[in-house]
């Protein structure tokens, strides 16, 4: 029973870490550039 629980938790952990990495890359790629007018304020 403990073996199956450990395997299930490991699978969930791998899935979450994969999604977090993908989300981070999507955020970096989709980040818009800030207009110069906002930087001067």
PDB file of N, CA and C in Angstrom:
ATOM      1  N   UNK A   1       0.825  -1.203   0.000  1.00  0.00           N
ATOM      2  CA  UNK A   1       0.000   0.000   0.000  1.00  0.00           C
ATOM      3  C   UNK A   1       0.866   1.263   0.000  1.00  0.00           C
ATOM      4  N   UNK A   2       1.905   1.276   0.807  1.00  0.00           N
ATOM      5  CA  UNK A   2       2.785   2.446   0.865  1.00  0.00           C
ATOM      6  C   UNK A   2       3.500   2.658  -0.460  1.00  0.00           C
ATOM      7  N   UNK A   3       3.817   1.552  -1.128  1.00  0.00           N
ATOM      8  CA  UNK A   3       4.513   1.651  -2.409  1.00  0.00           C
ATOM      9  C   UNK A   3       3.638   2.373  -3.444  1.00  0.00           C
ATOM     10  N   UNK A   4       2.359   2.025  -3.479  1.00  0.00           N
ATOM     11  CA  UNK A   4       1.451   2.646  -4.445  1.00  0.00           C
ATOM     12  C   UNK A   4       1.216   4.127  -4.118  1.00  0.00           C
ATOM     13  N   UNK A   5       1.136   4.436  -2.844  1.00  0.00           N
ATOM     14  CA  UNK A   5       0.978   5.830  -2.443  1.00  0.00           C
ATOM     15  C   UNK A   5       2.207   6.651  -2.837  1.00  0.00           C
ATOM     16  N   UNK A   6       3.378   6.093  -2.627  1.00  0.00           N
ATOM     17  CA  UNK A   6       4.612   6.784  -3.004  1.00  0.00           C
ATOM     18  C   UNK A   6       4.686   6.981  -4.509  1.00  0.00           C
ATOM     19  N   UNK A   7       4.281   5.973  -5.261  1.00  0.00           N
ATOM     20  CA  UNK A   7       4.301   6.091  -6.720  1.00  0.00           C
ATOM     21  C   UNK A   7       3.309   7.154  -7.192  1.00  0.00           C
ATOM     22  N   UNK A   8       2.125   7.195  -6.565  1.00  0.00           N
ATOM     23  CA  UNK A   8       1.114   8.174  -6.951  1.00  0.00           C
ATOM     24  C   UNK A   8       1.592   9.594  -6.625  1.00  0.00           C
ATOM     25  N   UNK A   9       2.182   9.782  -5.452  1.00  0.00           N
ATOM     26  CA  UNK A   9       2.688  11.103  -5.082  1.00  0.00           C
ATOM     27  C   UNK A   9       3.840  11.534  -5.987  1.00  0.00           C
ATOM     28  N   UNK A  10       4.681  10.590  -6.366  1.00  0.00           N
ATOM     29  CA  UNK A  10       5.786  10.910  -7.272  1.00  0.00           C
ATOM     30  C   UNK A  10       5.247  11.333  -8.642  1.00  0.00           C
ATOM     31  N   UNK A  11       4.219  10.646  -9.116  1.00  0.00           N
ATOM     32  CA  UNK A  11       3.627  10.991 -10.414  1.00  0.00           C
ATOM     33  C   UNK A  11       2.999  12.385 -10.363  1.00  0.00           C
ATOM     34  N   UNK A  12       2.283  12.689  -9.280  1.00  0.00           N
ATOM     35  CA  UNK A  12       1.674  14.017  -9.142  1.00  0.00           C
ATOM     36  C   UNK A  12       2.760  15.085  -9.070  1.00  0.00           C
ATOM     37  N   UNK A  13       3.833  14.810  -8.352  1.00  0.00           N
ATOM     38  CA  UNK A  13       4.932  15.760  -8.247  1.00  0.00           C
ATOM     39  C   UNK A  13       5.588  16.043  -9.589  1.00  0.00           C
ATOM     40  N   UNK A  14       5.787  14.992 -10.371  1.00  0.00           N
ATOM     41  CA  UNK A  14       6.390  15.184 -11.701  1.00  0.00           C
ATOM     42  C   UNK A  14       5.460  15.995 -12.601  1.00  0.00           C
ATOM     43  N   UNK A  15       4.164  15.733 -12.511  1.00  0.00           N
ATOM     44  CA  UNK A  15       3.199  16.460 -13.334  1.00  0.00           C
ATOM     45  C   UNK A  15       3.181  17.937 -12.956  1.00  0.00           C
ATOM     46  N   UNK A  16       3.139  18.227 -11.665  1.00  0.00           N
ATOM     47  CA  UNK A  16       3.095  19.614 -11.203  1.00  0.00           C
ATOM     48  C   UNK A  16       4.379  20.353 -11.575  1.00  0.00           C
ATOM     49  N   UNK A  17       5.520  19.705 -11.412  1.00  0.00           N
ATOM     50  CA  UNK A  17       6.780  20.371 -11.755  1.00  0.00           C
ATOM     51  C   UNK A  17       6.869  20.630 -13.261  1.00  0.00           C
ATOM     52  N   UNK A  18       6.371  19.717 -14.048  1.00  0.00           N
ATOM     53  CA  UNK A  18       6.358  19.921 -15.496  1.00  0.00           C
ATOM     54  C   UNK A  18       5.463  21.073 -15.904  1.00  0.00           C
ATOM     55  N   UNK A  19       4.295  21.161 -15.271  1.00  0.00           N
ATOM     56  CA  UNK A  19       3.382  22.262 -15.586  1.00  0.00           C
ATOM     57  C   UNK A  19       3.959  23.596 -15.138  1.00  0.00           C
ATOM     58  N   UNK A  20       4.618  23.621 -13.991  1.00  0.00           N
ATOM     59  CA  UNK A  20       5.203  24.869 -13.494  1.00  0.00           C
ATOM     60  C   UNK A  20       6.307  25.350 -14.425  1.00  0.00           C
ATOM     61  N   UNK A  21       7.124  24.432 -14.906  1.00  0.00           N
ATOM     62  CA  UNK A  21       8.198  24.806 -15.826  1.00  0.00           C
ATOM     63  C   UNK A  21       7.628  25.341 -17.129  1.00  0.00           C
ATOM     64  N   UNK A  22       6.611  24.685 -17.652  1.00  0.00           N
ATOM     65  CA  UNK A  22       5.986  25.139 -18.893  1.00  0.00           C
ATOM     66  C   UNK A  22       5.338  26.502 -18.701  1.00  0.00           C
ATOM     67  N   UNK A  23       4.657  26.689 -17.577  1.00  0.00           N
ATOM     68  CA  UNK A  23       4.023  27.970 -17.295  1.00  0.00           C
ATOM     69  C   UNK A  23       5.032  29.097 -17.188  1.00  0.00           C
ATOM     70  N   UNK A  24       6.174  28.797 -16.608  1.00  0.00           N
ATOM     71  CA  UNK A  24       7.219  29.811 -16.468  1.00  0.00           C
ATOM     72  C   UNK A  24       7.738  30.216 -17.847  1.00  0.00           C
ATOM     73  N   UNK A  25       7.969  29.256 -18.715  1.00  0.00           N
ATOM     74  CA  UNK A  25       8.451  29.582 -20.058  1.00  0.00           C
ATOM     75  C   UNK A  25       7.412  30.374 -20.835  1.00  0.00           C
ATOM     76  N   UNK A  26       6.143  30.011 -20.695  1.00  0.00           N
ATOM     77  CA  UNK A  26       5.087  30.739 -21.405  1.00  0.00           C
ATOM     78  C   UNK A  26       5.028  32.168 -20.897  1.00  0.00           C
ATOM     79  N   UNK A  27       5.186  32.380 -19.592  1.00  0.00           N
ATOM     80  CA  UNK A  27       5.157  33.735 -19.035  1.00  0.00           C
ATOM     81  C   UNK A  27       6.327  34.552 -19.569  1.00  0.00           C
ATOM     82  N   UNK A  28       7.506  33.968 -19.639  1.00  0.00           N
ATOM     83  CA  UNK A  28       8.684  34.693 -20.114  1.00  0.00           C
ATOM     84  C   UNK A  28       8.532  35.044 -21.584  1.00  0.00           C
ATOM     85  N   UNK A  29       7.997  34.136 -22.379  1.00  0.00           N
ATOM     86  CA  UNK A  29       7.845  34.385 -23.817  1.00  0.00           C
ATOM     87  C   UNK A  29       6.750  35.416 -24.074  1.00  0.00           C
ATOM     88  N   UNK A  30       5.645  35.350 -23.324  1.00  0.00           N
ATOM     89  CA  UNK A  30       4.502  36.219 -23.572  1.00  0.00           C
ATOM     90  C   UNK A  30       4.578  37.557 -22.839  1.00  0.00           C
ATOM     91  N   UNK A  31       5.635  37.773 -22.071  1.00  0.00           N
ATOM     92  CA  UNK A  31       5.717  39.019 -21.308  1.00  0.00           C
ATOM     93  C   UNK A  31       5.845  40.204 -22.270  1.00  0.00           C
ATOM     94  N   UNK A  32       4.922  41.147 -22.187  1.00  0.00           N
ATOM     95  CA  UNK A  32       4.982  42.296 -23.109  1.00  0.00           C
ATOM     96  C   UNK A  32       6.075  43.273 -22.704  1.00  0.00           C
ATOM     97  N   UNK A  33       6.519  44.055 -23.665  1.00  0.00           N
ATOM     98  CA  UNK A  33       7.526  45.072 -23.362  1.00  0.00           C
ATOM     99  C   UNK A  33       6.830  46.285 -22.753  1.00  0.00           C
ATOM    100  N   UNK A  34       7.486  46.938 -21.827  1.00  0.00           N
ATOM    101  CA  UNK A  34       6.906  48.097 -21.158  1.00  0.00           C
ATOM    102  C   UNK A  34       7.123  49.343 -22.012  1.00  0.00           C
ATOM    103  N   UNK A  35       6.084  50.143 -22.187  1.00  0.00           N
ATOM    104  CA  UNK A  35       6.237  51.376 -22.976  1.00  0.00           C
ATOM    105  C   UNK A  35       7.195  52.349 -22.299  1.00  0.00           C
ATOM    106  N   UNK A  36       7.899  53.104 -23.091  1.00  0.00           N
ATOM    107  CA  UNK A  36       8.857  54.087 -22.574  1.00  0.00           C
ATOM    108  C   UNK A  36       8.170  55.140 -21.709  1.00  0.00           C
ATOM    109  N   UNK A  37       6.914  55.466 -22.013  1.00  0.00           N
ATOM    110  CA  UNK A  37       6.207  56.490 -21.239  1.00  0.00           C
ATOM    111  C   UNK A  37       5.998  56.045 -19.790  1.00  0.00           C
ATOM    112  N   UNK A  38       5.859  54.759 -19.558  1.00  0.00           N
ATOM    113  CA  UNK A  38       5.683  54.261 -18.198  1.00  0.00           C
ATOM    114  C   UNK A  38       7.019  54.257 -17.435  1.00  0.00           C
ATOM    115  N   UNK A  39       8.117  54.085 -18.145  1.00  0.00           N
ATOM    116  CA  UNK A  39       9.415  54.058 -17.498  1.00  0.00           C
ATOM    117  C   UNK A  39       9.854  55.452 -17.033  1.00  0.00           C
ATOM    118  N   UNK A  40       9.410  56.483 -17.736  1.00  0.00           N
ATOM    119  CA  UNK A  40       9.835  57.839 -17.407  1.00  0.00           C
ATOM    120  C   UNK A  40       9.109  58.417 -16.199  1.00  0.00           C
ATOM    121  N   UNK A  41       8.014  57.815 -15.759  1.00  0.00           N
ATOM    122  CA  UNK A  41       7.239  58.371 -14.643  1.00  0.00           C
ATOM    123  C   UNK A  41       7.885  58.085 -13.318  1.00  0.00           C
TER     124      UNK A  41
END
